PDB file of N, CA and C in Angstrom:
ATOM      1  N   UNK A   1      20.801 -38.289 218.195  1.00  0.00           N
ATOM      2  CA  UNK A   1      21.456 -37.799 217.005  1.00  0.00           C
ATOM      3  C   UNK A   1      22.861 -37.290 217.330  1.00  0.00           C
ATOM      4  N   UNK A   2      23.009 -36.643 218.441  1.00  0.00           N
ATOM      5  CA  UNK A   2      24.317 -36.143 218.845  1.00  0.00           C
ATOM      6  C   UNK A   2      25.290 -37.299 219.080  1.00  0.00           C
ATOM      7  N   UNK A   3      24.815 -38.366 219.676  1.00  0.00           N
ATOM      8  CA  UNK A   3      25.668 -39.518 219.940  1.00  0.00           C
ATOM      9  C   UNK A   3      26.135 -40.131 218.625  1.00  0.00           C
ATOM     10  N   UNK A   4      25.257 -40.227 217.645  1.00  0.00           N
ATOM     11  CA  UNK A   4      25.632 -40.768 216.350  1.00  0.00           C
ATOM     12  C   UNK A   4      26.699 -39.899 215.678  1.00  0.00           C
ATOM     13  N   UNK A   5      26.560 -38.589 215.783  1.00  0.00           N
ATOM     14  CA  UNK A   5      27.558 -37.685 215.208  1.00  0.00           C
ATOM     15  C   UNK A   5      28.912 -37.878 215.879  1.00  0.00           C
ATOM     16  N   UNK A   6      28.908 -38.032 217.189  1.00  0.00           N
ATOM     17  CA  UNK A   6      30.160 -38.250 217.914  1.00  0.00           C
ATOM     18  C   UNK A   6      30.809 -39.562 217.488  1.00  0.00           C
ATOM     19  N   UNK A   7      30.034 -40.623 217.359  1.00  0.00           N
ATOM     20  CA  UNK A   7      30.572 -41.915 216.923  1.00  0.00           C
ATOM     21  C   UNK A   7      31.117 -41.842 215.493  1.00  0.00           C
ATOM     22  N   UNK A   8      30.410 -41.141 214.626  1.00  0.00           N
ATOM     23  CA  UNK A   8      30.870 -40.967 213.253  1.00  0.00           C
ATOM     24  C   UNK A   8      32.174 -40.175 213.207  1.00  0.00           C
ATOM     25  N   UNK A   9      32.261 -39.115 213.988  1.00  0.00           N
ATOM     26  CA  UNK A   9      33.476 -38.303 214.034  1.00  0.00           C
ATOM     27  C   UNK A   9      34.648 -39.111 214.599  1.00  0.00           C
ATOM     28  N   UNK A  10      34.384 -39.929 215.595  1.00  0.00           N
ATOM     29  CA  UNK A  10      35.442 -40.771 216.171  1.00  0.00           C
ATOM     30  C   UNK A  10      35.954 -41.770 215.130  1.00  0.00           C
ATOM     31  N   UNK A  11      35.059 -42.371 214.360  1.00  0.00           N
ATOM     32  CA  UNK A  11      35.467 -43.313 213.322  1.00  0.00           C
ATOM     33  C   UNK A  11      36.267 -42.606 212.234  1.00  0.00           C
ATOM     34  N   UNK A  12      35.858 -41.398 211.853  1.00  0.00           N
ATOM     35  CA  UNK A  12      36.588 -40.633 210.852  1.00  0.00           C
ATOM     36  C   UNK A  12      37.976 -40.268 211.354  1.00  0.00           C
ATOM     37  N   UNK A  13      38.077 -39.879 212.597  1.00  0.00           N
ATOM     38  CA  UNK A  13      39.377 -39.544 213.176  1.00  0.00           C
ATOM     39  C   UNK A  13      40.290 -40.760 213.214  1.00  0.00           C
ATOM     40  N   UNK A  14      39.742 -41.904 213.549  1.00  0.00           N
ATOM     41  CA  UNK A  14      40.521 -43.144 213.565  1.00  0.00           C
ATOM     42  C   UNK A  14      41.005 -43.476 212.165  1.00  0.00           C
ATOM     43  N   UNK A  15      40.164 -43.320 211.161  1.00  0.00           N
ATOM     44  CA  UNK A  15      40.552 -43.578 209.785  1.00  0.00           C
ATOM     45  C   UNK A  15      41.643 -42.601 209.331  1.00  0.00           C
ATOM     46  N   UNK A  16      41.521 -41.331 209.724  1.00  0.00           N
ATOM     47  CA  UNK A  16      42.551 -40.346 209.381  1.00  0.00           C
ATOM     48  C   UNK A  16      43.914 -40.734 209.954  1.00  0.00           C
ATOM     49  N   UNK A  17      43.931 -41.144 211.213  1.00  0.00           N
ATOM     50  CA  UNK A  17      45.180 -41.550 211.860  1.00  0.00           C
ATOM     51  C   UNK A  17      45.736 -42.810 211.195  1.00  0.00           C
ATOM     52  N   UNK A  18      44.859 -43.742 210.830  1.00  0.00           N
ATOM     53  CA  UNK A  18      45.301 -44.972 210.178  1.00  0.00           C
ATOM     54  C   UNK A  18      45.927 -44.672 208.818  1.00  0.00           C
ATOM     55  N   UNK A  19      45.319 -43.765 208.060  1.00  0.00           N
ATOM     56  CA  UNK A  19      45.882 -43.389 206.764  1.00  0.00           C
ATOM     57  C   UNK A  19      47.236 -42.706 206.929  1.00  0.00           C
ATOM     58  N   UNK A  20      47.360 -41.866 207.937  1.00  0.00           N
ATOM     59  CA  UNK A  20      48.638 -41.222 208.220  1.00  0.00           C
ATOM     60  C   UNK A  20      49.696 -42.248 208.602  1.00  0.00           C
ATOM     61  N   UNK A  21      49.312 -43.227 209.396  1.00  0.00           N
ATOM     62  CA  UNK A  21      50.237 -44.293 209.800  1.00  0.00           C
ATOM     63  C   UNK A  21      50.690 -45.099 208.580  1.00  0.00           C
ATOM     64  N   UNK A  22      49.778 -45.398 207.673  1.00  0.00           N
ATOM     65  CA  UNK A  22      50.139 -46.130 206.459  1.00  0.00           C
ATOM     66  C   UNK A  22      51.085 -45.311 205.594  1.00  0.00           C
ATOM     67  N   UNK A  23      50.806 -44.026 205.437  1.00  0.00           N
ATOM     68  CA  UNK A  23      51.678 -43.162 204.637  1.00  0.00           C
ATOM     69  C   UNK A  23      53.062 -43.041 205.261  1.00  0.00           C
ATOM     70  N   UNK A  24      53.106 -42.934 206.567  1.00  0.00           N
ATOM     71  CA  UNK A  24      54.389 -42.841 207.263  1.00  0.00           C
ATOM     72  C   UNK A  24      55.208 -44.117 207.060  1.00  0.00           C
ATOM     73  N   UNK A  25      54.564 -45.256 207.197  1.00  0.00           N
ATOM     74  CA  UNK A  25      55.262 -46.527 206.981  1.00  0.00           C
ATOM     75  C   UNK A  25      55.776 -46.633 205.546  1.00  0.00           C
ATOM     76  N   UNK A  26      54.968 -46.200 204.600  1.00  0.00           N
ATOM     77  CA  UNK A  26      55.394 -46.238 203.211  1.00  0.00           C
ATOM     78  C   UNK A  26      56.580 -45.333 202.951  1.00  0.00           C
ATOM     79  N   UNK A  27      56.603 -44.169 203.579  1.00  0.00           N
ATOM     80  CA  UNK A  27      57.716 -43.241 203.398  1.00  0.00           C
ATOM     81  C   UNK A  27      58.996 -43.779 204.020  1.00  0.00           C
ATOM     82  N   UNK A  28      58.878 -44.360 205.176  1.00  0.00           N
ATOM     83  CA  UNK A  28      60.063 -44.865 205.884  1.00  0.00           C
ATOM     84  C   UNK A  28      60.588 -46.149 205.256  1.00  0.00           C
ATOM     85  N   UNK A  29      59.689 -46.980 204.761  1.00  0.00           N
ATOM     86  CA  UNK A  29      60.075 -48.294 204.235  1.00  0.00           C
ATOM     87  C   UNK A  29      60.118 -48.320 202.707  1.00  0.00           C
ATOM     88  N   UNK A  30      60.347 -47.171 202.082  1.00  0.00           N
ATOM     89  CA  UNK A  30      60.563 -47.065 200.633  1.00  0.00           C
ATOM     90  C   UNK A  30      59.397 -47.605 199.807  1.00  0.00           C
ATOM     91  N   UNK A  31      58.196 -47.299 200.215  1.00  0.00           N
ATOM     92  CA  UNK A  31      57.008 -47.681 199.450  1.00  0.00           C
ATOM     93  C   UNK A  31      56.607 -49.132 199.552  1.00  0.00           C
ATOM     94  N   UNK A  32      57.050 -49.812 200.597  1.00  0.00           N
ATOM     95  CA  UNK A  32      56.702 -51.221 200.778  1.00  0.00           C
ATOM     96  C   UNK A  32      55.198 -51.357 201.043  1.00  0.00           C
ATOM     97  N   UNK A  33      54.529 -52.107 200.173  1.00  0.00           N
ATOM     98  CA  UNK A  33      53.084 -52.296 200.313  1.00  0.00           C
ATOM     99  C   UNK A  33      52.743 -53.027 201.607  1.00  0.00           C
ATOM    100  N   UNK A  34      53.535 -54.032 201.973  1.00  0.00           N
ATOM    101  CA  UNK A  34      53.246 -54.770 203.206  1.00  0.00           C
ATOM    102  C   UNK A  34      53.423 -53.871 204.433  1.00  0.00           C
ATOM    103  N   UNK A  35      54.399 -52.974 204.403  1.00  0.00           N
ATOM    104  CA  UNK A  35      54.586 -52.046 205.520  1.00  0.00           C
ATOM    105  C   UNK A  35      53.412 -51.075 205.617  1.00  0.00           C
ATOM    106  N   UNK A  36      52.925 -50.603 204.468  1.00  0.00           N
ATOM    107  CA  UNK A  36      51.777 -49.698 204.484  1.00  0.00           C
ATOM    108  C   UNK A  36      50.520 -50.410 204.975  1.00  0.00           C
ATOM    109  N   UNK A  37      50.338 -51.657 204.565  1.00  0.00           N
ATOM    110  CA  UNK A  37      49.183 -52.423 205.037  1.00  0.00           C
ATOM    111  C   UNK A  37      49.266 -52.652 206.543  1.00  0.00           C
ATOM    112  N   UNK A  38      50.464 -52.939 207.044  1.00  0.00           N
ATOM    113  CA  UNK A  38      50.632 -53.150 208.486  1.00  0.00           C
ATOM    114  C   UNK A  38      50.344 -51.871 209.256  1.00  0.00           C
ATOM    115  N   UNK A  39      50.813 -50.742 208.750  1.00  0.00           N
ATOM    116  CA  UNK A  39      50.548 -49.464 209.404  1.00  0.00           C
ATOM    117  C   UNK A  39      49.068 -49.123 209.413  1.00  0.00           C
ATOM    118  N   UNK A  40      48.404 -49.375 208.299  1.00  0.00           N
ATOM    119  CA  UNK A  40      46.964 -49.126 208.226  1.00  0.00           C
ATOM    120  C   UNK A  40      46.208 -50.019 209.197  1.00  0.00           C
ATOM    121  N   UNK A  41      46.596 -51.276 209.277  1.00  0.00           N
ATOM    122  CA  UNK A  41      45.933 -52.213 210.197  1.00  0.00           C
ATOM    123  C   UNK A  41      46.124 -51.769 211.650  1.00  0.00           C
ATOM    124  N   UNK A  42      47.334 -51.334 211.999  1.00  0.00           N
ATOM    125  CA  UNK A  42      47.566 -50.843 213.369  1.00  0.00           C
ATOM    126  C   UNK A  42      46.684 -49.646 213.679  1.00  0.00           C
ATOM    127  N   UNK A  43      46.520 -48.763 212.698  1.00  0.00           N
ATOM    128  CA  UNK A  43      45.681 -47.590 212.909  1.00  0.00           C
ATOM    129  C   UNK A  43      44.202 -47.912 213.004  1.00  0.00           C
ATOM    130  N   UNK A  44      43.767 -48.937 212.268  1.00  0.00           N
ATOM    131  CA  UNK A  44      42.349 -49.313 212.272  1.00  0.00           C
ATOM    132  C   UNK A  44      41.968 -50.254 213.414  1.00  0.00           C
ATOM    133  N   UNK A  45      42.945 -50.813 214.086  1.00  0.00           N
ATOM    134  CA  UNK A  45      42.671 -51.795 215.144  1.00  0.00           C
ATOM    135  C   UNK A  45      41.683 -51.311 216.205  1.00  0.00           C
ATOM    136  N   UNK A  46      41.711 -50.027 216.620  1.00  0.00           N
ATOM    137  CA  UNK A  46      40.720 -49.608 217.630  1.00  0.00           C
ATOM    138  C   UNK A  46      39.271 -49.787 217.198  1.00  0.00           C
ATOM    139  N   UNK A  47      39.016 -49.768 215.893  1.00  0.00           N
ATOM    140  CA  UNK A  47      37.644 -49.979 215.418  1.00  0.00           C
ATOM    141  C   UNK A  47      37.185 -51.424 215.600  1.00  0.00           C
ATOM    142  N   UNK A  48      38.126 -52.340 215.757  1.00  0.00           N
ATOM    143  CA  UNK A  48      37.816 -53.763 215.912  1.00  0.00           C
ATOM    144  C   UNK A  48      37.916 -54.234 217.363  1.00  0.00           C
ATOM    145  N   UNK A  49      38.279 -53.352 218.257  1.00  0.00           N
ATOM    146  CA  UNK A  49      38.490 -53.738 219.660  1.00  0.00           C
ATOM    147  C   UNK A  49      37.153 -53.999 220.347  1.00  0.00           C
ATOM    148  N   UNK A  50      37.099 -55.095 221.072  1.00  0.00           N
ATOM    149  CA  UNK A  50      35.906 -55.448 221.844  1.00  0.00           C
ATOM    150  C   UNK A  50      36.224 -55.598 223.331  1.00  0.00           C
ATOM    151  N   UNK A  51      37.498 -55.794 223.653  1.00  0.00           N
ATOM    152  CA  UNK A  51      37.927 -55.942 225.047  1.00  0.00           C
ATOM    153  C   UNK A  51      39.168 -55.078 225.266  1.00  0.00           C
ATOM    154  N   UNK A  52      39.332 -54.598 226.483  1.00  0.00           N
ATOM    155  CA  UNK A  52      40.467 -53.727 226.810  1.00  0.00           C
ATOM    156  C   UNK A  52      41.570 -54.487 227.531  1.00  0.00           C
ATOM    157  N   UNK A  53      41.843 -55.702 227.077  1.00  0.00           N
ATOM    158  CA  UNK A  53      42.949 -56.462 227.671  1.00  0.00           C
ATOM    159  C   UNK A  53      43.877 -56.919 226.543  1.00  0.00           C
ATOM    160  N   UNK A  54      44.939 -57.613 226.887  1.00  0.00           N
ATOM    161  CA  UNK A  54      45.934 -58.021 225.896  1.00  0.00           C
ATOM    162  C   UNK A  54      45.326 -58.915 224.818  1.00  0.00           C
ATOM    163  N   UNK A  55      44.441 -59.804 225.216  1.00  0.00           N
ATOM    164  CA  UNK A  55      43.794 -60.681 224.243  1.00  0.00           C
ATOM    165  C   UNK A  55      42.918 -59.880 223.287  1.00  0.00           C
ATOM    166  N   UNK A  56      42.203 -58.906 223.813  1.00  0.00           N
ATOM    167  CA  UNK A  56      41.357 -58.051 222.985  1.00  0.00           C
ATOM    168  C   UNK A  56      42.160 -57.225 221.997  1.00  0.00           C
ATOM    169  N   UNK A  57      43.296 -56.717 222.433  1.00  0.00           N
ATOM    170  CA  UNK A  57      44.165 -55.942 221.550  1.00  0.00           C
ATOM    171  C   UNK A  57      44.699 -56.827 220.430  1.00  0.00           C
ATOM    172  N   UNK A  58      45.145 -58.014 220.787  1.00  0.00           N
ATOM    173  CA  UNK A  58      45.684 -58.950 219.792  1.00  0.00           C
ATOM    174  C   UNK A  58      44.615 -59.351 218.781  1.00  0.00           C
ATOM    175  N   UNK A  59      43.414 -59.656 219.241  1.00  0.00           N
ATOM    176  CA  UNK A  59      42.360 -60.065 218.314  1.00  0.00           C
ATOM    177  C   UNK A  59      41.910 -58.896 217.439  1.00  0.00           C
ATOM    178  N   UNK A  60      41.917 -57.682 217.980  1.00  0.00           N
ATOM    179  CA  UNK A  60      41.562 -56.504 217.183  1.00  0.00           C
ATOM    180  C   UNK A  60      42.591 -56.281 216.083  1.00  0.00           C
ATOM    181  N   UNK A  61      43.864 -56.439 216.406  1.00  0.00           N
ATOM    182  CA  UNK A  61      44.911 -56.266 215.402  1.00  0.00           C
ATOM    183  C   UNK A  61      44.812 -57.336 214.316  1.00  0.00           C
ATOM    184  N   UNK A  62      44.549 -58.569 214.707  1.00  0.00           N
ATOM    185  CA  UNK A  62      44.392 -59.643 213.714  1.00  0.00           C
ATOM    186  C   UNK A  62      43.185 -59.401 212.811  1.00  0.00           C
ATOM    187  N   UNK A  63      42.084 -58.934 213.391  1.00  0.00           N
ATOM    188  CA  UNK A  63      40.890 -58.643 212.591  1.00  0.00           C
ATOM    189  C   UNK A  63      41.152 -57.483 211.628  1.00  0.00           C
ATOM    190  N   UNK A  64      41.855 -56.470 212.095  1.00  0.00           N
ATOM    191  CA  UNK A  64      42.175 -55.327 211.236  1.00  0.00           C
ATOM    192  C   UNK A  64      43.112 -55.748 210.112  1.00  0.00           C
ATOM    193  N   UNK A  65      44.109 -56.579 210.419  1.00  0.00           N
ATOM    194  CA  UNK A  65      45.024 -57.058 209.381  1.00  0.00           C
ATOM    195  C   UNK A  65      44.269 -57.858 208.328  1.00  0.00           C
ATOM    196  N   UNK A  66      43.372 -58.702 208.754  1.00  0.00           N
ATOM    197  CA  UNK A  66      42.582 -59.505 207.823  1.00  0.00           C
ATOM    198  C   UNK A  66      41.722 -58.609 206.930  1.00  0.00           C
ATOM    199  N   UNK A  67      41.090 -57.615 207.521  1.00  0.00           N
ATOM    200  CA  UNK A  67      40.239 -56.706 206.757  1.00  0.00           C
ATOM    201  C   UNK A  67      41.048 -55.894 205.753  1.00  0.00           C
ATOM    202  N   UNK A  68      42.226 -55.448 206.161  1.00  0.00           N
ATOM    203  CA  UNK A  68      43.068 -54.661 205.263  1.00  0.00           C
ATOM    204  C   UNK A  68      43.509 -55.508 204.070  1.00  0.00           C
ATOM    205  N   UNK A  69      43.942 -56.724 204.317  1.00  0.00           N
ATOM    206  CA  UNK A  69      44.417 -57.590 203.228  1.00  0.00           C
ATOM    207  C   UNK A  69      43.278 -57.917 202.264  1.00  0.00           C
ATOM    208  N   UNK A  70      42.073 -58.154 202.798  1.00  0.00           N
ATOM    209  CA  UNK A  70      40.945 -58.585 201.964  1.00  0.00           C
ATOM    210  C   UNK A  70      40.267 -57.440 201.220  1.00  0.00           C
ATOM    211  N   UNK A  71      40.181 -56.260 201.833  1.00  0.00           N
ATOM    212  CA  UNK A  71      39.283 -55.240 201.282  1.00  0.00           C
ATOM    213  C   UNK A  71      39.924 -53.911 200.907  1.00  0.00           C
ATOM    214  N   UNK A  72      41.153 -53.659 201.302  1.00  0.00           N
ATOM    215  CA  UNK A  72      41.739 -52.329 201.098  1.00  0.00           C
ATOM    216  C   UNK A  72      42.659 -52.329 199.884  1.00  0.00           C
ATOM    217  N   UNK A  73      42.547 -51.266 199.109  1.00  0.00           N
ATOM    218  CA  UNK A  73      43.433 -51.057 197.971  1.00  0.00           C
ATOM    219  C   UNK A  73      44.242 -49.789 198.232  1.00  0.00           C
ATOM    220  N   UNK A  74      45.555 -49.928 198.282  1.00  0.00           N
ATOM    221  CA  UNK A  74      46.429 -48.780 198.500  1.00  0.00           C
ATOM    222  C   UNK A  74      47.095 -48.446 197.179  1.00  0.00           C
ATOM    223  N   UNK A  75      46.997 -47.187 196.790  1.00  0.00           N
ATOM    224  CA  UNK A  75      47.597 -46.745 195.534  1.00  0.00           C
ATOM    225  C   UNK A  75      48.654 -45.688 195.829  1.00  0.00           C
ATOM    226  N   UNK A  76      49.849 -45.902 195.320  1.00  0.00           N
ATOM    227  CA  UNK A  76      50.930 -44.941 195.489  1.00  0.00           C
ATOM    228  C   UNK A  76      50.809 -43.925 194.359  1.00  0.00           C
ATOM    229  N   UNK A  77      50.621 -42.653 194.708  1.00  0.00           N
ATOM    230  CA  UNK A  77      50.419 -41.631 193.693  1.00  0.00           C
ATOM    231  C   UNK A  77      51.650 -40.749 193.488  1.00  0.00           C
ATOM    232  N   UNK A  78      52.538 -40.693 194.454  1.00  0.00           N
ATOM    233  CA  UNK A  78      53.722 -39.865 194.304  1.00  0.00           C
ATOM    234  C   UNK A  78      54.810 -40.388 195.217  1.00  0.00           C
ATOM    235  N   UNK A  79      56.021 -40.540 194.798  1.00  0.00           N
ATOM    236  CA  UNK A  79      56.479 -40.375 193.423  1.00  0.00           C
ATOM    237  C   UNK A  79      56.074 -41.569 192.572  1.00  0.00           C
ATOM    238  N   UNK A  80      55.854 -41.324 191.333  1.00  0.00           N
ATOM    239  CA  UNK A  80      55.451 -42.396 190.435  1.00  0.00           C
ATOM    240  C   UNK A  80      56.646 -43.245 190.062  1.00  0.00           C
ATOM    241  N   UNK A  81      56.409 -44.533 189.982  1.00  0.00           N
ATOM    242  CA  UNK A  81      57.468 -45.440 189.585  1.00  0.00           C
ATOM    243  C   UNK A  81      57.591 -45.455 188.072  1.00  0.00           C
ATOM    244  N   UNK A  82      58.814 -45.596 187.545  1.00  0.00           N
ATOM    245  CA  UNK A  82      58.993 -45.593 186.065  1.00  0.00           C
ATOM    246  C   UNK A  82      58.412 -46.830 185.424  1.00  0.00           C
TER     247      UNK A  82
END
Protein backbone atom coordinates (compact mmCIF):
# COMPACT_ATOMS: atom_id res chain seq x y z
CA UNK A 1 0.00 0.00 0.00
CA UNK A 2 2.84 2.38 0.77
CA UNK A 3 4.41 1.72 -2.62
CA UNK A 4 1.13 2.51 -4.37
CA UNK A 5 0.86 5.80 -2.47
CA UNK A 6 4.40 6.74 -3.48
CA UNK A 7 3.68 5.95 -7.15
CA UNK A 8 0.45 7.95 -7.02
CA UNK A 9 2.21 10.92 -5.42
CA UNK A 10 4.98 10.76 -8.04
CA UNK A 11 2.41 10.80 -10.86
CA UNK A 12 0.60 13.75 -9.25
CA UNK A 13 3.86 15.65 -8.89
CA UNK A 14 4.70 14.99 -12.53
CA UNK A 15 1.27 16.25 -13.59
CA UNK A 16 1.70 19.38 -11.45
CA UNK A 17 5.04 20.16 -13.10
CA UNK A 18 3.58 19.49 -16.55
CA UNK A 19 0.69 21.89 -15.91
CA UNK A 20 3.14 24.53 -14.70
CA UNK A 21 5.25 24.02 -17.83
CA UNK A 22 2.17 24.43 -20.04
CA UNK A 23 1.12 27.60 -18.22
CA UNK A 24 4.63 29.02 -18.48
CA UNK A 25 4.75 28.35 -22.21
CA UNK A 26 1.36 29.98 -22.65
CA UNK A 27 2.47 33.07 -20.74
CA UNK A 28 5.71 33.44 -22.66
CA UNK A 29 4.23 32.66 -26.08
CA UNK A 30 1.13 34.91 -25.76
CA UNK A 31 -1.40 32.13 -25.21
CA UNK A 32 -0.29 29.94 -28.10
CA UNK A 33 -2.19 26.65 -27.82
CA UNK A 34 0.53 24.70 -29.64
CA UNK A 35 3.17 26.07 -27.25
CA UNK A 36 1.06 25.07 -24.25
CA UNK A 37 0.52 21.59 -25.68
CA UNK A 38 4.27 21.22 -26.28
CA UNK A 39 5.05 22.32 -22.73
CA UNK A 40 2.50 19.91 -21.30
CA UNK A 41 3.90 17.05 -23.39
CA UNK A 42 7.45 17.79 -22.20
CA UNK A 43 6.24 17.72 -18.61
CA UNK A 44 4.30 14.48 -19.06
CA UNK A 45 7.07 12.66 -20.95
CA UNK A 46 8.53 11.01 -17.81
CA UNK A 47 5.25 9.11 -17.39
CA UNK A 48 5.79 7.53 -20.82
CA UNK A 49 9.49 6.71 -20.40
CA UNK A 50 10.43 3.04 -20.63
CA UNK A 51 14.19 3.34 -21.28
CA UNK A 52 16.82 5.70 -19.89
CA UNK A 53 18.64 6.34 -23.16
CA UNK A 54 18.25 8.85 -25.99
CA UNK A 55 15.88 6.59 -27.91
CA UNK A 56 13.72 6.10 -24.83
CA UNK A 57 13.55 9.84 -24.19
CA UNK A 58 12.59 10.53 -27.80
CA UNK A 59 9.88 7.85 -27.84
CA UNK A 60 8.50 9.06 -24.49
CA UNK A 61 8.25 12.61 -25.82
CA UNK A 62 6.52 11.43 -29.00
CA UNK A 63 4.05 9.33 -26.98
CA UNK A 64 3.32 12.26 -24.67
CA UNK A 65 2.81 14.62 -27.62
CA UNK A 66 0.40 12.16 -29.22
CA UNK A 67 -1.55 11.75 -25.98
CA UNK A 68 -1.76 15.50 -25.42
CA UNK A 69 -3.05 16.18 -28.94
CA UNK A 70 -5.62 13.35 -28.78
CA UNK A 71 -6.94 13.59 -25.23
CA UNK A 72 -6.12 16.89 -23.51
CA UNK A 73 -8.29 19.98 -23.52
CA UNK A 74 -6.59 23.22 -22.46
CA UNK A 75 -8.83 26.12 -21.54
CA UNK A 76 -7.52 29.65 -21.14
CA UNK A 77 -9.38 31.25 -18.24
CA UNK A 78 -7.48 34.50 -17.74
CA UNK A 79 -7.16 36.91 -19.38
CA UNK A 80 -10.29 36.34 -21.36
CA UNK A 81 -10.22 37.10 -25.03
CA UNK A 82 -12.81 39.61 -26.34
